[in-house]
């Protein structure tokens, strides 16, 4: 009984997948728009607090194509850089001391407007250049494995966030249409 039930469910799932694959490809849910979600690696430029590269970040953005080559939209990202400090004794003043391991953290939350210019708009391979402009909230923290000391900063020296980009996109719908035409 269980075996035949699972076989029926597998057959139904296979049919649904085949029907979905046979449909005409459409890359975007909303016409003339894009949505981008990606993982990012942050590499701080400097030798201050939490100066090591870190992969603790994501980027969310969306945009509307004003022309076939130019798009504009909002973005928000987050990035955390960590630095581990080995056990040491800190002098707290007045004859007090604290021996602890530390972890320094820089958390950033940039947000603003993104734009992109796309070349080869009729091609499957579509390189583009982009620029993001906006504000950046940053929080600098030191964790002592007992107490958290932190400073909230708004802007600071990272008040404006220029982020030049030179990636490319390959629209999935175009690839599906090309595969469908070759059959």
N, C-alpha and C. Protein backbone atom coordinates (compact mmCIF):
# COMPACT_ATOMS: atom_id res chain seq x y z
N UNK A 1 0.82 -1.19 0.00
CA UNK A 1 0.00 0.00 0.00
C UNK A 1 0.87 1.26 0.00
N UNK A 2 1.89 1.30 0.93
CA UNK A 2 2.76 2.46 0.98
C UNK A 2 3.56 2.61 -0.30
N UNK A 3 4.03 1.49 -0.85
CA UNK A 3 4.84 1.53 -2.06
C UNK A 3 4.05 2.11 -3.22
N UNK A 4 2.83 1.68 -3.42
CA UNK A 4 2.03 2.20 -4.53
C UNK A 4 1.67 3.67 -4.29
N UNK A 5 1.47 4.07 -3.03
CA UNK A 5 1.15 5.47 -2.72
C UNK A 5 2.34 6.36 -3.09
N UNK A 6 3.57 5.92 -2.73
CA UNK A 6 4.75 6.69 -3.07
C UNK A 6 5.00 6.73 -4.57
N UNK A 7 4.70 5.64 -5.27
CA UNK A 7 4.85 5.62 -6.72
C UNK A 7 3.90 6.60 -7.38
N UNK A 8 2.68 6.68 -6.88
CA UNK A 8 1.71 7.64 -7.42
C UNK A 8 2.19 9.07 -7.17
N UNK A 9 2.68 9.35 -5.95
CA UNK A 9 3.19 10.68 -5.65
C UNK A 9 4.40 11.03 -6.51
N UNK A 10 5.29 10.08 -6.72
CA UNK A 10 6.45 10.32 -7.59
C UNK A 10 6.02 10.60 -9.02
N UNK A 11 5.03 9.85 -9.51
CA UNK A 11 4.54 10.05 -10.88
C UNK A 11 3.90 11.43 -11.02
N UNK A 12 3.11 11.84 -10.02
CA UNK A 12 2.49 13.17 -10.07
C UNK A 12 3.56 14.26 -10.04
N UNK A 13 4.56 14.12 -9.17
CA UNK A 13 5.63 15.10 -9.10
C UNK A 13 6.40 15.19 -10.41
N UNK A 14 6.66 14.05 -11.04
CA UNK A 14 7.35 14.04 -12.33
C UNK A 14 6.53 14.74 -13.39
N UNK A 15 5.22 14.50 -13.43
CA UNK A 15 4.34 15.15 -14.40
C UNK A 15 4.32 16.67 -14.20
N UNK A 16 4.28 17.13 -12.95
CA UNK A 16 4.29 18.56 -12.67
C UNK A 16 5.58 19.20 -13.16
N UNK A 17 6.71 18.53 -12.90
CA UNK A 17 8.00 19.06 -13.36
C UNK A 17 8.06 19.11 -14.87
N UNK A 18 7.61 18.07 -15.55
CA UNK A 18 7.63 18.04 -17.02
C UNK A 18 6.71 19.10 -17.61
N UNK A 19 5.55 19.32 -17.01
CA UNK A 19 4.64 20.36 -17.50
C UNK A 19 5.25 21.75 -17.30
N UNK A 20 5.90 21.96 -16.17
CA UNK A 20 6.53 23.26 -15.93
C UNK A 20 7.68 23.50 -16.91
N UNK A 21 8.43 22.46 -17.23
CA UNK A 21 9.56 22.60 -18.15
C UNK A 21 9.09 22.84 -19.58
N UNK A 22 7.90 22.39 -19.92
CA UNK A 22 7.40 22.53 -21.29
C UNK A 22 6.80 23.90 -21.56
N UNK A 23 6.53 24.69 -20.52
CA UNK A 23 5.96 26.02 -20.70
C UNK A 23 6.96 26.95 -21.36
N UNK A 24 6.47 27.99 -21.99
CA UNK A 24 7.33 28.99 -22.59
C UNK A 24 8.07 29.73 -21.49
N UNK A 25 9.36 29.95 -21.69
CA UNK A 25 10.17 30.60 -20.66
C UNK A 25 9.85 32.06 -20.52
N UNK A 26 9.82 32.53 -19.29
CA UNK A 26 9.63 33.94 -18.98
C UNK A 26 10.57 34.26 -17.83
N UNK A 27 11.57 35.11 -18.08
CA UNK A 27 12.60 35.36 -17.08
C UNK A 27 12.12 36.21 -15.92
N UNK A 28 11.24 37.15 -16.15
CA UNK A 28 10.83 38.07 -15.11
C UNK A 28 9.35 37.93 -14.80
N UNK A 29 9.03 37.97 -13.52
CA UNK A 29 7.63 37.93 -13.10
C UNK A 29 6.96 39.25 -13.44
N UNK A 30 7.67 40.36 -13.20
CA UNK A 30 7.16 41.69 -13.52
C UNK A 30 7.89 42.18 -14.77
N UNK A 31 7.17 42.61 -15.81
CA UNK A 31 7.84 43.05 -17.05
C UNK A 31 8.76 44.25 -16.81
N UNK A 32 9.85 44.30 -17.54
CA UNK A 32 10.82 45.40 -17.49
C UNK A 32 11.41 45.61 -16.10
N UNK A 33 11.61 44.55 -15.35
CA UNK A 33 12.15 44.68 -14.00
C UNK A 33 13.13 43.55 -13.72
N UNK A 34 13.84 43.68 -12.62
CA UNK A 34 14.72 42.60 -12.18
C UNK A 34 14.76 42.59 -10.65
N UNK A 35 15.04 41.43 -10.10
CA UNK A 35 15.24 41.26 -8.67
C UNK A 35 16.55 40.50 -8.50
N UNK A 36 17.39 40.97 -7.59
CA UNK A 36 18.69 40.36 -7.39
C UNK A 36 18.92 40.11 -5.90
N UNK A 37 19.24 38.87 -5.55
CA UNK A 37 19.61 38.50 -4.18
C UNK A 37 20.93 37.76 -4.29
N UNK A 38 21.95 38.25 -3.59
CA UNK A 38 23.24 37.58 -3.70
C UNK A 38 24.00 37.61 -2.38
N UNK A 39 24.97 36.72 -2.29
CA UNK A 39 25.85 36.61 -1.14
C UNK A 39 27.07 37.45 -1.45
N UNK A 40 27.63 38.12 -0.47
CA UNK A 40 28.79 38.94 -0.75
C UNK A 40 29.89 38.73 0.28
N UNK A 41 31.10 38.94 -0.18
CA UNK A 41 32.29 38.86 0.66
C UNK A 41 32.80 40.28 0.85
N UNK A 42 32.99 40.68 2.11
CA UNK A 42 33.48 42.03 2.39
C UNK A 42 34.96 42.00 2.72
N UNK A 43 35.72 42.87 2.08
CA UNK A 43 37.16 43.00 2.34
C UNK A 43 37.42 44.44 2.76
N UNK A 44 37.63 44.69 4.06
CA UNK A 44 37.87 46.06 4.52
C UNK A 44 39.20 46.59 3.97
N UNK A 45 39.22 47.84 3.61
CA UNK A 45 40.43 48.49 3.13
C UNK A 45 41.02 49.30 4.28
N UNK A 46 41.92 48.73 5.00
CA UNK A 46 42.52 49.41 6.14
C UNK A 46 43.02 48.39 7.15
N UNK A 47 43.61 48.89 8.22
CA UNK A 47 44.16 47.98 9.22
C UNK A 47 43.63 48.33 10.60
N UNK A 48 42.33 48.59 10.70
CA UNK A 48 41.75 48.95 11.98
C UNK A 48 40.90 47.79 12.51
N UNK A 49 39.87 48.09 13.25
CA UNK A 49 39.01 47.09 13.87
C UNK A 49 38.42 46.12 12.84
N UNK A 50 38.51 44.84 13.10
CA UNK A 50 37.94 43.79 12.24
C UNK A 50 38.38 43.96 10.79
N UNK A 51 39.67 43.79 10.55
CA UNK A 51 40.24 44.10 9.24
C UNK A 51 40.40 42.88 8.33
N UNK A 52 39.75 41.77 8.63
CA UNK A 52 39.87 40.55 7.82
C UNK A 52 38.69 40.41 6.88
N UNK A 53 38.90 39.74 5.74
CA UNK A 53 37.81 39.47 4.79
C UNK A 53 36.77 38.55 5.43
N UNK A 54 35.52 38.76 5.08
CA UNK A 54 34.45 37.98 5.67
C UNK A 54 33.35 37.74 4.65
N UNK A 55 32.76 36.55 4.71
CA UNK A 55 31.65 36.22 3.83
C UNK A 55 30.30 36.31 4.51
N UNK A 56 30.19 37.10 5.58
CA UNK A 56 28.94 37.23 6.32
C UNK A 56 28.14 38.40 5.78
N UNK A 57 27.64 38.31 4.56
CA UNK A 57 26.86 39.42 4.01
C UNK A 57 25.94 39.00 2.89
N UNK A 58 24.91 39.80 2.67
CA UNK A 58 23.96 39.57 1.56
C UNK A 58 23.56 40.91 0.98
N UNK A 59 23.06 40.86 -0.24
CA UNK A 59 22.61 42.03 -0.96
C UNK A 59 21.23 41.73 -1.54
N UNK A 60 20.32 42.67 -1.38
CA UNK A 60 18.97 42.56 -1.96
C UNK A 60 18.73 43.82 -2.78
N UNK A 61 18.37 43.65 -4.04
CA UNK A 61 18.08 44.82 -4.87
C UNK A 61 17.06 44.47 -5.92
N UNK A 62 16.42 45.49 -6.43
CA UNK A 62 15.45 45.33 -7.50
C UNK A 62 15.48 46.59 -8.34
N UNK A 63 15.00 46.48 -9.55
CA UNK A 63 15.03 47.66 -10.40
C UNK A 63 14.04 47.59 -11.53
N UNK A 64 13.83 48.72 -12.14
CA UNK A 64 12.93 48.85 -13.28
C UNK A 64 13.73 49.41 -14.44
N UNK A 65 13.59 48.78 -15.62
CA UNK A 65 14.29 49.24 -16.81
C UNK A 65 13.54 50.42 -17.41
N UNK A 66 14.14 51.60 -17.29
CA UNK A 66 13.57 52.81 -17.88
C UNK A 66 13.64 52.73 -19.40
N UNK A 67 14.76 52.26 -19.89
CA UNK A 67 14.96 51.94 -21.30
C UNK A 67 15.45 50.50 -21.33
N UNK A 68 15.59 49.89 -22.50
CA UNK A 68 16.11 48.51 -22.52
C UNK A 68 17.53 48.38 -21.94
N UNK A 69 18.26 49.49 -21.81
CA UNK A 69 19.64 49.41 -21.32
C UNK A 69 19.84 50.03 -19.93
N UNK A 70 18.93 50.87 -19.46
CA UNK A 70 19.13 51.60 -18.20
C UNK A 70 18.07 51.19 -17.18
N UNK A 71 18.54 50.80 -15.97
CA UNK A 71 17.63 50.41 -14.89
C UNK A 71 17.98 51.18 -13.62
N UNK A 72 16.95 51.45 -12.81
CA UNK A 72 17.10 52.15 -11.54
C UNK A 72 16.22 51.47 -10.50
N UNK A 73 16.70 51.39 -9.24
CA UNK A 73 15.88 50.78 -8.20
C UNK A 73 16.53 50.88 -6.84
N UNK A 74 15.87 50.36 -5.80
CA UNK A 74 16.41 50.40 -4.44
C UNK A 74 17.29 49.19 -4.13
N UNK A 75 18.13 49.32 -3.10
CA UNK A 75 18.92 48.20 -2.61
C UNK A 75 19.08 48.32 -1.10
N UNK A 76 19.33 47.19 -0.46
CA UNK A 76 19.74 47.14 0.94
C UNK A 76 20.66 45.93 1.08
N UNK A 77 21.71 46.10 1.85
CA UNK A 77 22.70 45.03 2.05
C UNK A 77 23.04 44.95 3.53
N UNK A 78 23.71 43.89 3.92
CA UNK A 78 24.33 43.85 5.23
C UNK A 78 25.63 43.09 5.14
N UNK A 79 26.56 43.45 6.00
CA UNK A 79 27.89 42.83 6.00
C UNK A 79 28.44 42.87 7.42
N UNK A 80 29.03 41.78 7.87
CA UNK A 80 29.67 41.72 9.17
C UNK A 80 31.10 41.23 9.00
N UNK A 81 32.04 41.96 9.55
CA UNK A 81 33.44 41.55 9.57
C UNK A 81 33.83 41.29 11.02
N UNK A 82 34.53 40.18 11.26
CA UNK A 82 34.90 39.76 12.61
C UNK A 82 36.41 39.63 12.73
N UNK A 83 36.91 39.90 13.92
CA UNK A 83 38.32 39.70 14.22
C UNK A 83 38.40 39.07 15.61
N UNK A 84 39.08 37.94 15.73
CA UNK A 84 39.24 37.27 17.01
C UNK A 84 40.55 37.71 17.65
N UNK A 85 40.46 38.14 18.90
CA UNK A 85 41.63 38.58 19.67
C UNK A 85 41.91 37.51 20.72
N UNK A 86 43.12 36.96 20.77
CA UNK A 86 43.42 35.91 21.76
C UNK A 86 43.35 36.46 23.20
N UNK A 87 43.32 35.53 24.15
CA UNK A 87 43.19 35.89 25.57
C UNK A 87 44.28 36.88 25.98
N UNK A 88 43.83 37.93 26.65
CA UNK A 88 44.76 38.93 27.17
C UNK A 88 44.15 39.58 28.40
N UNK A 89 45.00 40.25 29.18
CA UNK A 89 44.54 40.94 30.39
C UNK A 89 44.40 42.42 30.08
N UNK A 90 43.21 42.95 30.34
CA UNK A 90 42.92 44.36 30.10
C UNK A 90 42.93 45.10 31.43
N UNK A 91 43.63 46.24 31.49
CA UNK A 91 43.67 47.07 32.70
C UNK A 91 42.43 47.96 32.69
N UNK A 92 41.56 47.80 33.68
CA UNK A 92 40.32 48.57 33.75
C UNK A 92 40.46 49.81 34.62
N UNK A 93 41.63 50.04 35.20
CA UNK A 93 41.85 51.21 36.06
C UNK A 93 41.46 50.92 37.49
N UNK A 94 41.91 51.77 38.42
CA UNK A 94 41.62 51.62 39.85
C UNK A 94 42.02 50.25 40.38
N UNK A 95 43.08 49.66 39.85
CA UNK A 95 43.56 48.38 40.34
C UNK A 95 42.75 47.19 39.85
N UNK A 96 41.85 47.38 38.86
CA UNK A 96 41.03 46.28 38.33
C UNK A 96 41.59 45.80 37.01
N UNK A 97 41.41 44.52 36.75
CA UNK A 97 41.86 43.94 35.48
C UNK A 97 40.87 42.86 35.06
N UNK A 98 40.83 42.59 33.75
CA UNK A 98 39.93 41.58 33.20
C UNK A 98 40.73 40.75 32.19
N UNK A 99 40.76 39.42 32.40
CA UNK A 99 41.45 38.53 31.46
C UNK A 99 40.39 37.79 30.64
N UNK A 100 40.34 38.06 29.35
CA UNK A 100 39.30 37.49 28.49
C UNK A 100 39.80 37.32 27.07
N UNK A 101 39.06 36.50 26.30
CA UNK A 101 39.20 36.45 24.85
C UNK A 101 38.24 37.51 24.30
N UNK A 102 38.58 38.08 23.14
CA UNK A 102 37.73 39.12 22.56
C UNK A 102 37.38 38.78 21.13
N UNK A 103 36.31 39.35 20.68
CA UNK A 103 35.94 39.31 19.26
C UNK A 103 35.45 40.70 18.89
N UNK A 104 36.11 41.31 17.92
CA UNK A 104 35.68 42.62 17.43
C UNK A 104 34.80 42.40 16.20
N UNK A 105 33.77 43.22 16.09
CA UNK A 105 32.80 43.07 15.01
C UNK A 105 32.46 44.43 14.41
N UNK A 106 32.37 44.47 13.09
CA UNK A 106 31.88 45.65 12.38
C UNK A 106 30.67 45.19 11.58
N UNK A 107 29.50 45.70 11.94
CA UNK A 107 28.26 45.39 11.22
C UNK A 107 27.88 46.62 10.41
N UNK A 108 27.60 46.42 9.11
CA UNK A 108 27.22 47.53 8.23
C UNK A 108 25.91 47.22 7.55
N UNK A 109 25.08 48.25 7.37
CA UNK A 109 23.79 48.12 6.72
C UNK A 109 23.64 49.26 5.71
N UNK A 110 24.25 49.12 4.51
CA UNK A 110 24.08 50.16 3.49
C UNK A 110 22.75 50.01 2.77
N UNK A 111 22.16 51.13 2.39
CA UNK A 111 20.91 51.12 1.64
C UNK A 111 20.86 52.37 0.78
N UNK A 112 20.09 52.31 -0.30
CA UNK A 112 19.99 53.47 -1.17
C UNK A 112 19.43 53.11 -2.53
N UNK A 113 19.99 53.78 -3.56
CA UNK A 113 19.52 53.64 -4.93
C UNK A 113 20.62 52.99 -5.76
N UNK A 114 20.23 52.04 -6.58
CA UNK A 114 21.17 51.39 -7.49
C UNK A 114 20.76 51.68 -8.92
N UNK A 115 21.76 51.74 -9.80
CA UNK A 115 21.49 51.94 -11.23
C UNK A 115 22.42 51.03 -12.01
N UNK A 116 22.02 50.71 -13.22
CA UNK A 116 22.86 49.87 -14.08
C UNK A 116 22.65 50.24 -15.54
N UNK A 117 23.73 50.09 -16.30
CA UNK A 117 23.68 50.27 -17.74
C UNK A 117 24.09 48.95 -18.37
N UNK A 118 23.25 48.41 -19.23
CA UNK A 118 23.47 47.09 -19.82
C UNK A 118 23.87 47.22 -21.29
N UNK A 119 24.91 46.46 -21.67
CA UNK A 119 25.30 46.36 -23.07
C UNK A 119 24.71 45.09 -23.64
N UNK A 120 24.63 44.97 -24.91
CA UNK A 120 24.16 43.76 -25.61
C UNK A 120 22.79 43.32 -25.08
N UNK A 121 21.83 44.23 -25.11
CA UNK A 121 20.51 43.95 -24.53
C UNK A 121 19.75 42.84 -25.25
N UNK A 122 20.08 42.56 -26.50
CA UNK A 122 19.40 41.50 -27.24
C UNK A 122 20.14 40.16 -27.19
N UNK A 123 21.22 40.10 -26.43
CA UNK A 123 22.04 38.90 -26.36
C UNK A 123 21.71 38.08 -25.12
N UNK A 124 22.10 36.81 -25.12
CA UNK A 124 21.96 35.98 -23.94
C UNK A 124 22.96 36.44 -22.87
N UNK A 125 24.15 36.82 -23.27
CA UNK A 125 25.19 37.33 -22.39
C UNK A 125 25.05 38.84 -22.32
N UNK A 126 24.68 39.40 -21.16
CA UNK A 126 24.41 40.83 -21.04
C UNK A 126 25.27 41.46 -19.95
N UNK A 127 26.48 41.91 -20.29
CA UNK A 127 27.31 42.59 -19.29
C UNK A 127 26.71 43.95 -18.94
N UNK A 128 26.94 44.39 -17.69
CA UNK A 128 26.45 45.71 -17.30
C UNK A 128 27.39 46.33 -16.28
N UNK A 129 27.32 47.65 -16.19
CA UNK A 129 28.05 48.41 -15.17
C UNK A 129 27.01 49.04 -14.28
N UNK A 130 27.28 49.05 -12.97
CA UNK A 130 26.31 49.60 -12.04
C UNK A 130 26.96 50.50 -11.02
N UNK A 131 26.12 51.32 -10.39
CA UNK A 131 26.59 52.21 -9.33
C UNK A 131 25.51 52.28 -8.26
N UNK A 132 25.93 52.15 -7.00
CA UNK A 132 25.02 52.27 -5.87
C UNK A 132 25.38 53.52 -5.09
N UNK A 133 24.37 54.29 -4.71
CA UNK A 133 24.57 55.48 -3.88
C UNK A 133 23.58 55.42 -2.73
N UNK A 134 24.06 55.74 -1.53
CA UNK A 134 23.16 55.73 -0.40
C UNK A 134 23.86 55.97 0.91
N UNK A 135 23.18 55.65 1.98
CA UNK A 135 23.71 55.83 3.33
C UNK A 135 24.16 54.49 3.89
N UNK A 136 24.90 54.54 5.00
CA UNK A 136 25.42 53.33 5.60
C UNK A 136 25.34 53.43 7.11
N UNK A 137 24.59 52.54 7.74
CA UNK A 137 24.57 52.44 9.20
C UNK A 137 25.66 51.45 9.60
N UNK A 138 26.46 51.78 10.60
CA UNK A 138 27.51 50.88 11.06
C UNK A 138 27.47 50.76 12.57
N UNK A 139 27.77 49.56 13.06
CA UNK A 139 27.84 49.30 14.50
C UNK A 139 29.16 48.60 14.77
N UNK A 140 29.98 49.18 15.63
CA UNK A 140 31.26 48.61 16.02
C UNK A 140 31.09 47.99 17.39
N UNK A 141 31.42 46.70 17.54
CA UNK A 141 31.21 46.00 18.81
C UNK A 141 32.47 45.26 19.22
N UNK A 142 32.66 45.15 20.52
CA UNK A 142 33.71 44.32 21.10
C UNK A 142 33.03 43.36 22.05
N UNK A 143 33.17 42.06 21.79
CA UNK A 143 32.58 41.04 22.63
C UNK A 143 33.67 40.47 23.53
N UNK A 144 33.42 40.48 24.84
CA UNK A 144 34.39 39.98 25.80
C UNK A 144 33.98 38.62 26.34
N UNK A 145 33.08 37.95 25.74
CA UNK A 145 32.55 36.65 26.16
C UNK A 145 31.87 36.72 27.52
N UNK A 146 31.73 37.92 28.05
CA UNK A 146 31.00 38.13 29.29
C UNK A 146 30.06 39.32 29.10
N UNK A 147 30.60 40.40 28.53
CA UNK A 147 29.87 41.66 28.37
C UNK A 147 30.03 42.12 26.92
N UNK A 148 29.02 42.76 26.37
CA UNK A 148 29.11 43.34 25.04
C UNK A 148 29.21 44.85 25.18
N UNK A 149 30.26 45.42 24.60
CA UNK A 149 30.42 46.87 24.57
C UNK A 149 30.20 47.29 23.12
N UNK A 150 29.39 48.30 22.88
CA UNK A 150 29.14 48.68 21.49
C UNK A 150 28.97 50.18 21.35
N UNK A 151 29.19 50.64 20.11
CA UNK A 151 28.94 52.02 19.72
C UNK A 151 28.03 51.99 18.50
N UNK A 152 26.95 52.73 18.54
CA UNK A 152 26.11 52.89 17.35
C UNK A 152 26.64 54.10 16.59
N UNK A 153 26.85 53.93 15.31
CA UNK A 153 27.31 55.05 14.50
C UNK A 153 26.38 55.21 13.31
N UNK A 154 26.15 56.42 12.96
CA UNK A 154 25.37 56.70 11.76
C UNK A 154 26.28 57.47 10.83
N UNK A 155 26.68 56.82 9.75
CA UNK A 155 27.55 57.48 8.80
C UNK A 155 29.00 57.35 9.19
N UNK A 156 29.50 58.21 10.08
CA UNK A 156 30.89 58.25 10.45
C UNK A 156 31.69 58.56 9.20
N UNK A 157 32.82 57.95 8.97
CA UNK A 157 33.58 58.22 7.74
C UNK A 157 33.02 57.43 6.56
N UNK A 158 32.05 56.53 6.79
CA UNK A 158 31.45 55.75 5.72
C UNK A 158 30.07 56.30 5.41
N UNK A 159 29.92 57.62 5.47
CA UNK A 159 28.62 58.24 5.35
C UNK A 159 27.99 57.99 3.99
N UNK A 160 28.76 58.03 2.93
CA UNK A 160 28.23 57.80 1.59
C UNK A 160 28.86 56.52 1.06
N UNK A 161 28.11 55.78 0.30
CA UNK A 161 28.56 54.46 -0.13
C UNK A 161 28.58 54.38 -1.65
N UNK A 162 29.67 54.76 -2.32
CA UNK A 162 29.76 54.48 -3.75
C UNK A 162 30.19 53.02 -3.93
N UNK A 163 29.55 52.30 -4.82
CA UNK A 163 29.88 50.89 -5.03
C UNK A 163 29.87 50.60 -6.53
N UNK A 164 30.96 50.87 -7.24
CA UNK A 164 30.98 50.57 -8.67
C UNK A 164 30.96 49.07 -8.90
N UNK A 165 30.31 48.65 -10.00
CA UNK A 165 30.18 47.23 -10.30
C UNK A 165 30.38 47.02 -11.80
N UNK A 166 30.85 45.84 -12.17
CA UNK A 166 30.99 45.47 -13.57
C UNK A 166 30.68 43.99 -13.74
N UNK A 167 29.46 43.56 -13.38
CA UNK A 167 29.06 42.17 -13.56
C UNK A 167 28.30 41.98 -14.87
N UNK A 168 27.66 40.83 -15.05
CA UNK A 168 26.82 40.58 -16.21
C UNK A 168 25.63 39.75 -15.77
N UNK A 169 24.61 39.73 -16.60
CA UNK A 169 23.45 38.91 -16.30
C UNK A 169 23.11 38.05 -17.50
N UNK A 170 22.55 36.90 -17.26
CA UNK A 170 22.09 36.00 -18.30
C UNK A 170 20.63 35.72 -17.99
N UNK A 171 19.70 36.31 -18.75
CA UNK A 171 18.28 36.09 -18.45
C UNK A 171 17.88 34.64 -18.67
N UNK A 172 17.26 34.04 -17.67
CA UNK A 172 16.87 32.63 -17.74
C UNK A 172 15.84 32.39 -18.82
N UNK A 173 14.91 33.31 -19.00
CA UNK A 173 13.87 33.13 -20.02
C UNK A 173 14.45 33.04 -21.42
N UNK A 174 15.50 33.83 -21.70
CA UNK A 174 16.14 33.78 -23.02
C UNK A 174 16.79 32.42 -23.23
N UNK A 175 17.42 31.87 -22.20
CA UNK A 175 18.04 30.55 -22.32
C UNK A 175 16.98 29.49 -22.58
N UNK A 176 15.84 29.57 -21.87
CA UNK A 176 14.77 28.60 -22.08
C UNK A 176 14.20 28.71 -23.48
N UNK A 177 14.05 29.94 -23.98
CA UNK A 177 13.52 30.13 -25.33
C UNK A 177 14.49 29.58 -26.37
N UNK A 178 15.81 29.79 -26.16
CA UNK A 178 16.78 29.25 -27.10
C UNK A 178 16.76 27.72 -27.10
N UNK A 179 16.65 27.11 -25.93
CA UNK A 179 16.58 25.66 -25.87
C UNK A 179 15.31 25.15 -26.54
N UNK A 180 14.21 25.86 -26.36
CA UNK A 180 12.91 25.45 -26.95
C UNK A 180 12.98 25.56 -28.47
N UNK A 181 13.66 26.61 -29.01
CA UNK A 181 13.75 26.82 -30.46
C UNK A 181 14.63 25.76 -31.13
N UNK A 182 15.61 25.22 -30.40
CA UNK A 182 16.51 24.24 -31.00
C UNK A 182 15.89 22.87 -31.14
N UNK A 183 14.76 22.65 -30.48
CA UNK A 183 14.12 21.33 -30.52
C UNK A 183 13.37 21.12 -31.79
